[in-house]
Amino acid sequence: MKSARHSTPDLSGAEWRSSTYSGGNNECVEVADNVPGIVPVRDSKRPAGPVVGVGPEAWGAFLDHLRRA
């Protein structure tokens, strides 16, 4: 099986935001909309912690699911 090569995106200019539903108590996830090709997601309590990169199509499907729930 061939392994995929992944590069680490430059997130130094990422503009992070949290949901307006979070209530401002810093207990939610944040996303950055301005990184081409991926939607970076992180824990708002750990801004220097790990970041998960989600494909735009997968992120859109996730949001659609939440809207229907």
PDB file of N, CA and C in Angstrom:
ATOM      1  N   MET A   1       0.844  -1.178   0.000  1.00  0.00           N
ATOM      2  CA  MET A   1       0.000   0.000   0.000  1.00  0.00           C
ATOM      3  C   MET A   1       0.886   1.237   0.000  1.00  0.00           C
ATOM      4  N   LYS A   2       0.581   2.167  -0.817  1.00  0.00           N
ATOM      5  CA  LYS A   2       1.357   3.395  -0.948  1.00  0.00           C
ATOM      6  C   LYS A   2       0.916   4.395   0.119  1.00  0.00           C
ATOM      7  N   SER A   3       1.867   5.012   0.805  1.00  0.00           N
ATOM      8  CA  SER A   3       1.499   6.003   1.823  1.00  0.00           C
ATOM      9  C   SER A   3       1.314   7.365   1.175  1.00  0.00           C
ATOM     10  N   ALA A   4       0.385   8.109   1.722  1.00  0.00           N
ATOM     11  CA  ALA A   4       0.110   9.456   1.212  1.00  0.00           C
ATOM     12  C   ALA A   4       1.092  10.438   1.827  1.00  0.00           C
ATOM     13  N   ARG A   5       1.489  11.419   1.062  1.00  0.00           N
ATOM     14  CA  ARG A   5       2.359  12.466   1.580  1.00  0.00           C
ATOM     15  C   ARG A   5       1.493  13.664   1.923  1.00  0.00           C
ATOM     16  N   HIS A   6       1.681  14.156   3.110  1.00  0.00           N
ATOM     17  CA  HIS A   6       0.914  15.306   3.567  1.00  0.00           C
ATOM     18  C   HIS A   6       1.878  16.419   3.936  1.00  0.00           C
ATOM     19  N   SER A   7       1.523  17.624   3.583  1.00  0.00           N
ATOM     20  CA  SER A   7       2.327  18.756   4.000  1.00  0.00           C
ATOM     21  C   SER A   7       1.578  19.503   5.102  1.00  0.00           C
ATOM     22  N   THR A   8       2.320  20.149   5.946  1.00  0.00           N
ATOM     23  CA  THR A   8       1.718  20.923   7.025  1.00  0.00           C
ATOM     24  C   THR A   8       1.409  22.319   6.506  1.00  0.00           C
ATOM     25  N   PRO A   9       0.153  22.714   6.555  1.00  0.00           N
ATOM     26  CA  PRO A   9      -0.190  24.053   6.052  1.00  0.00           C
ATOM     27  C   PRO A   9       0.330  25.143   6.976  1.00  0.00           C
ATOM     28  N   ASP A  10       0.611  26.285   6.407  1.00  0.00           N
ATOM     29  CA  ASP A  10       1.046  27.442   7.188  1.00  0.00           C
ATOM     30  C   ASP A  10      -0.178  28.085   7.818  1.00  0.00           C
ATOM     31  N   LEU A  11      -0.283  28.008   9.140  1.00  0.00           N
ATOM     32  CA  LEU A  11      -1.428  28.570   9.843  1.00  0.00           C
ATOM     33  C   LEU A  11      -1.096  29.888  10.538  1.00  0.00           C
ATOM     34  N   SER A  12       0.089  30.435  10.242  1.00  0.00           N
ATOM     35  CA  SER A  12       0.503  31.669  10.922  1.00  0.00           C
ATOM     36  C   SER A  12      -0.433  32.842  10.634  1.00  0.00           C
ATOM     37  N   GLY A  13      -1.090  32.853   9.499  1.00  0.00           N
ATOM     38  CA  GLY A  13      -2.013  33.932   9.173  1.00  0.00           C
ATOM     39  C   GLY A  13      -3.476  33.544   9.337  1.00  0.00           C
ATOM     40  N   ALA A  14      -3.717  32.387   9.961  1.00  0.00           N
ATOM     41  CA  ALA A  14      -5.093  31.917  10.120  1.00  0.00           C
ATOM     42  C   ALA A  14      -5.893  32.886  10.984  1.00  0.00           C
ATOM     43  N   GLU A  15      -7.089  33.156  10.557  1.00  0.00           N
ATOM     44  CA  GLU A  15      -8.008  34.024  11.303  1.00  0.00           C
ATOM     45  C   GLU A  15      -9.049  33.128  11.960  1.00  0.00           C
ATOM     46  N   TRP A  16      -8.842  32.862  13.240  1.00  0.00           N
ATOM     47  CA  TRP A  16      -9.681  31.927  13.989  1.00  0.00           C
ATOM     48  C   TRP A  16     -10.959  32.595  14.454  1.00  0.00           C
ATOM     49  N   ARG A  17     -12.037  31.810  14.465  1.00  0.00           N
ATOM     50  CA  ARG A  17     -13.311  32.294  14.983  1.00  0.00           C
ATOM     51  C   ARG A  17     -14.025  31.133  15.653  1.00  0.00           C
ATOM     52  N   SER A  18     -14.914  31.472  16.555  1.00  0.00           N
ATOM     53  CA  SER A  18     -15.748  30.456  17.187  1.00  0.00           C
ATOM     54  C   SER A  18     -17.196  30.744  16.850  1.00  0.00           C
ATOM     55  N   SER A  19     -18.040  29.799  17.114  1.00  0.00           N
ATOM     56  CA  SER A  19     -19.460  29.934  16.814  1.00  0.00           C
ATOM     57  C   SER A  19     -20.091  31.034  17.654  1.00  0.00           C
ATOM     58  N   THR A  20     -21.067  31.694  17.085  1.00  0.00           N
ATOM     59  CA  THR A  20     -21.814  32.685  17.848  1.00  0.00           C
ATOM     60  C   THR A  20     -22.653  32.018  18.933  1.00  0.00           C
ATOM     61  N   TYR A  21     -22.826  30.706  18.848  1.00  0.00           N
ATOM     62  CA  TYR A  21     -23.576  29.954  19.856  1.00  0.00           C
ATOM     63  C   TYR A  21     -22.712  29.569  21.053  1.00  0.00           C
ATOM     64  N   SER A  22     -21.422  29.863  21.018  1.00  0.00           N
ATOM     65  CA  SER A  22     -20.512  29.406  22.078  1.00  0.00           C
ATOM     66  C   SER A  22     -20.720  30.143  23.397  1.00  0.00           C
ATOM     67  N   GLY A  23     -21.311  31.299  23.378  1.00  0.00           N
ATOM     68  CA  GLY A  23     -21.569  32.036  24.609  1.00  0.00           C
ATOM     69  C   GLY A  23     -20.361  32.785  25.141  1.00  0.00           C
ATOM     70  N   GLY A  24     -19.236  32.716  24.467  1.00  0.00           N
ATOM     71  CA  GLY A  24     -18.060  33.474  24.876  1.00  0.00           C
ATOM     72  C   GLY A  24     -17.331  32.953  26.099  1.00  0.00           C
ATOM     73  N   ASN A  25     -17.636  31.729  26.542  1.00  0.00           N
ATOM     74  CA  ASN A  25     -16.962  31.207  27.730  1.00  0.00           C
ATOM     75  C   ASN A  25     -15.778  30.307  27.391  1.00  0.00           C
ATOM     76  N   ASN A  26     -15.298  30.374  26.160  1.00  0.00           N
ATOM     77  CA  ASN A  26     -14.074  29.702  25.737  1.00  0.00           C
ATOM     78  C   ASN A  26     -14.141  28.181  25.891  1.00  0.00           C
ATOM     79  N   GLU A  27     -15.293  27.604  25.633  1.00  0.00           N
ATOM     80  CA  GLU A  27     -15.451  26.160  25.733  1.00  0.00           C
ATOM     81  C   GLU A  27     -16.043  25.594  24.448  1.00  0.00           C
ATOM     82  N   CYS A  28     -15.361  25.829  23.353  1.00  0.00           N
ATOM     83  CA  CYS A  28     -15.864  25.327  22.083  1.00  0.00           C
ATOM     84  C   CYS A  28     -14.691  25.121  21.132  1.00  0.00           C
ATOM     85  N   VAL A  29     -15.005  24.811  19.910  1.00  0.00           N
ATOM     86  CA  VAL A  29     -13.968  24.701  18.895  1.00  0.00           C
ATOM     87  C   VAL A  29     -13.912  26.005  18.113  1.00  0.00           C
ATOM     88  N   GLU A  30     -12.762  26.224  17.501  1.00  0.00           N
ATOM     89  CA  GLU A  30     -12.584  27.379  16.626  1.00  0.00           C
ATOM     90  C   GLU A  30     -12.205  26.861  15.252  1.00  0.00           C
ATOM     91  N   VAL A  31     -12.567  27.598  14.219  1.00  0.00           N
ATOM     92  CA  VAL A  31     -12.202  27.269  12.848  1.00  0.00           C
ATOM     93  C   VAL A  31     -11.573  28.491  12.199  1.00  0.00           C
ATOM     94  N   ALA A  32     -10.773  28.243  11.184  1.00  0.00           N
ATOM     95  CA  ALA A  32     -10.198  29.326  10.384  1.00  0.00           C
ATOM     96  C   ALA A  32     -10.719  29.159   8.962  1.00  0.00           C
ATOM     97  N   ASP A  33     -11.299  30.207   8.418  1.00  0.00           N
ATOM     98  CA  ASP A  33     -11.897  30.147   7.085  1.00  0.00           C
ATOM     99  C   ASP A  33     -10.935  30.535   5.968  1.00  0.00           C
ATOM    100  N   ASN A  34      -9.801  31.090   6.318  1.00  0.00           N
ATOM    101  CA  ASN A  34      -8.943  31.690   5.289  1.00  0.00           C
ATOM    102  C   ASN A  34      -7.723  30.839   4.925  1.00  0.00           C
ATOM    103  N   VAL A  35      -7.791  29.526   5.121  1.00  0.00           N
ATOM    104  CA  VAL A  35      -6.684  28.635   4.758  1.00  0.00           C
ATOM    105  C   VAL A  35      -7.128  27.827   3.540  1.00  0.00           C
ATOM    106  N   PRO A  36      -6.495  28.028   2.389  1.00  0.00           N
ATOM    107  CA  PRO A  36      -6.929  27.354   1.158  1.00  0.00           C
ATOM    108  C   PRO A  36      -6.851  25.828   1.257  1.00  0.00           C
ATOM    109  N   GLY A  37      -7.918  25.163   0.837  1.00  0.00           N
ATOM    110  CA  GLY A  37      -7.923  23.713   0.720  1.00  0.00           C
ATOM    111  C   GLY A  37      -8.315  22.935   1.955  1.00  0.00           C
ATOM    112  N   ILE A  38      -8.285  23.543   3.135  1.00  0.00           N
ATOM    113  CA  ILE A  38      -8.674  22.839   4.360  1.00  0.00           C
ATOM    114  C   ILE A  38      -9.436  23.782   5.286  1.00  0.00           C
ATOM    115  N   VAL A  39     -10.117  23.186   6.252  1.00  0.00           N
ATOM    116  CA  VAL A  39     -10.742  23.953   7.321  1.00  0.00           C
ATOM    117  C   VAL A  39     -10.051  23.523   8.605  1.00  0.00           C
ATOM    118  N   PRO A  40      -9.124  24.341   9.133  1.00  0.00           N
ATOM    119  CA  PRO A  40      -8.459  23.991  10.382  1.00  0.00           C
ATOM    120  C   PRO A  40      -9.421  24.138  11.558  1.00  0.00           C
ATOM    121  N   VAL A  41      -9.372  23.188  12.486  1.00  0.00           N
ATOM    122  CA  VAL A  41     -10.242  23.182  13.660  1.00  0.00           C
ATOM    123  C   VAL A  41      -9.361  22.970  14.889  1.00  0.00           C
ATOM    124  N   ARG A  42      -9.600  23.746  15.947  1.00  0.00           N
ATOM    125  CA  ARG A  42      -8.824  23.602  17.180  1.00  0.00           C
ATOM    126  C   ARG A  42      -9.716  23.831  18.396  1.00  0.00           C
ATOM    127  N   ASP A  43      -9.230  23.429  19.556  1.00  0.00           N
ATOM    128  CA  ASP A  43      -9.920  23.626  20.826  1.00  0.00           C
ATOM    129  C   ASP A  43      -9.645  25.051  21.293  1.00  0.00           C
ATOM    130  N   SER A  44     -10.689  25.803  21.588  1.00  0.00           N
ATOM    131  CA  SER A  44     -10.503  27.197  21.996  1.00  0.00           C
ATOM    132  C   SER A  44      -9.747  27.329  23.316  1.00  0.00           C
ATOM    133  N   LYS A  45      -9.773  26.290  24.156  1.00  0.00           N
ATOM    134  CA  LYS A  45      -9.040  26.339  25.425  1.00  0.00           C
ATOM    135  C   LYS A  45      -7.548  26.107  25.234  1.00  0.00           C
ATOM    136  N   ARG A  46      -7.157  25.562  24.058  1.00  0.00           N
ATOM    137  CA  ARG A  46      -5.756  25.260  23.790  1.00  0.00           C
ATOM    138  C   ARG A  46      -5.345  25.810  22.425  1.00  0.00           C
ATOM    139  N   PRO A  47      -5.303  27.128  22.274  1.00  0.00           N
ATOM    140  CA  PRO A  47      -5.009  27.698  20.950  1.00  0.00           C
ATOM    141  C   PRO A  47      -3.635  27.322  20.399  1.00  0.00           C
ATOM    142  N   ALA A  48      -2.695  26.972  21.253  1.00  0.00           N
ATOM    143  CA  ALA A  48      -1.381  26.546  20.772  1.00  0.00           C
ATOM    144  C   ALA A  48      -1.311  25.029  20.640  1.00  0.00           C
ATOM    145  N   GLY A  49      -2.404  24.343  20.921  1.00  0.00           N
ATOM    146  CA  GLY A  49      -2.446  22.888  20.861  1.00  0.00           C
ATOM    147  C   GLY A  49      -2.621  22.378  19.450  1.00  0.00           C
ATOM    148  N   PRO A  50      -2.986  21.107  19.324  1.00  0.00           N
ATOM    149  CA  PRO A  50      -3.108  20.493  17.997  1.00  0.00           C
ATOM    150  C   PRO A  50      -4.259  21.082  17.178  1.00  0.00           C
ATOM    151  N   VAL A  51      -4.095  20.998  15.878  1.00  0.00           N
ATOM    152  CA  VAL A  51      -5.100  21.464  14.920  1.00  0.00           C
ATOM    153  C   VAL A  51      -5.451  20.285  14.015  1.00  0.00           C
ATOM    154  N   VAL A  52      -6.728  20.102  13.771  1.00  0.00           N
ATOM    155  CA  VAL A  52      -7.199  19.080  12.846  1.00  0.00           C
ATOM    156  C   VAL A  52      -7.603  19.773  11.562  1.00  0.00           C
ATOM    157  N   GLY A  53      -7.097  19.291  10.445  1.00  0.00           N
ATOM    158  CA  GLY A  53      -7.478  19.840   9.150  1.00  0.00           C
ATOM    159  C   GLY A  53      -8.561  18.987   8.513  1.00  0.00           C
ATOM    160  N   VAL A  54      -9.675  19.600   8.183  1.00  0.00           N
ATOM    161  CA  VAL A  54     -10.814  18.902   7.600  1.00  0.00           C
ATOM    162  C   VAL A  54     -11.016  19.412   6.182  1.00  0.00           C
ATOM    163  N   GLY A  55     -11.314  18.523   5.268  1.00  0.00           N
ATOM    164  CA  GLY A  55     -11.600  18.934   3.898  1.00  0.00           C
ATOM    165  C   GLY A  55     -12.847  19.806   3.840  1.00  0.00           C
ATOM    166  N   PRO A  56     -12.891  20.780   2.939  1.00  0.00           N
ATOM    167  CA  PRO A  56     -14.047  21.669   2.850  1.00  0.00           C
ATOM    168  C   PRO A  56     -15.370  20.938   2.623  1.00  0.00           C
ATOM    169  N   GLU A  57     -15.353  19.877   1.824  1.00  0.00           N
ATOM    170  CA  GLU A  57     -16.591  19.137   1.574  1.00  0.00           C
ATOM    171  C   GLU A  57     -17.055  18.424   2.836  1.00  0.00           C
ATOM    172  N   ALA A  58     -16.128  17.822   3.557  1.00  0.00           N
ATOM    173  CA  ALA A  58     -16.467  17.133   4.805  1.00  0.00           C
ATOM    174  C   ALA A  58     -16.976  18.129   5.845  1.00  0.00           C
ATOM    175  N   TRP A  59     -16.360  19.304   5.923  1.00  0.00           N
ATOM    176  CA  TRP A  59     -16.804  20.326   6.873  1.00  0.00           C
ATOM    177  C   TRP A  59     -18.223  20.790   6.530  1.00  0.00           C
ATOM    178  N   GLY A  60     -18.487  20.993   5.249  1.00  0.00           N
ATOM    179  CA  GLY A  60     -19.824  21.388   4.822  1.00  0.00           C
ATOM    180  C   GLY A  60     -20.869  20.335   5.163  1.00  0.00           C
ATOM    181  N   ALA A  61     -20.527  19.057   4.963  1.00  0.00           N
ATOM    182  CA  ALA A  61     -21.448  17.974   5.308  1.00  0.00           C
ATOM    183  C   ALA A  61     -21.692  17.932   6.810  1.00  0.00           C
ATOM    184  N   PHE A  62     -20.649  18.156   7.596  1.00  0.00           N
ATOM    185  CA  PHE A  62     -20.777  18.200   9.050  1.00  0.00           C
ATOM    186  C   PHE A  62     -21.726  19.314   9.470  1.00  0.00           C
ATOM    187  N   LEU A  63     -21.550  20.511   8.934  1.00  0.00           N
ATOM    188  CA  LEU A  63     -22.426  21.638   9.268  1.00  0.00           C
ATOM    189  C   LEU A  63     -23.864  21.368   8.834  1.00  0.00           C
ATOM    190  N   ASP A  64     -24.050  20.775   7.650  1.00  0.00           N
ATOM    191  CA  ASP A  64     -25.400  20.434   7.199  1.00  0.00           C
ATOM    192  C   ASP A  64     -26.070  19.475   8.170  1.00  0.00           C
ATOM    193  N   HIS A  65     -25.319  18.497   8.645  1.00  0.00           N
ATOM    194  CA  HIS A  65     -25.854  17.533   9.607  1.00  0.00           C
ATOM    195  C   HIS A  65     -26.278  18.236  10.903  1.00  0.00           C
ATOM    196  N   LEU A  66     -25.436  19.162  11.386  1.00  0.00           N
ATOM    197  CA  LEU A  66     -25.775  19.879  12.614  1.00  0.00           C
ATOM    198  C   LEU A  66     -27.038  20.722  12.428  1.00  0.00           C
ATOM    199  N   ARG A  67     -27.183  21.320  11.284  1.00  0.00           N
ATOM    200  CA  ARG A  67     -28.357  22.160  11.031  1.00  0.00           C
ATOM    201  C   ARG A  67     -29.648  21.346  11.020  1.00  0.00           C
ATOM    202  N   ARG A  68     -29.554  20.087  10.587  1.00  0.00           N
ATOM    203  CA  ARG A  68     -30.734  19.218  10.544  1.00  0.00           C
ATOM    204  C   ARG A  68     -31.040  18.570  11.883  1.00  0.00           C
ATOM    205  N   ALA A  69     -30.080  18.576  12.782  1.00  0.00           N
ATOM    206  CA  ALA A  69     -30.277  17.873  14.076  1.00  0.00           C
ATOM    207  C   ALA A  69     -31.198  18.648  14.997  1.00  0.00           C
TER     208      ALA A  69
END
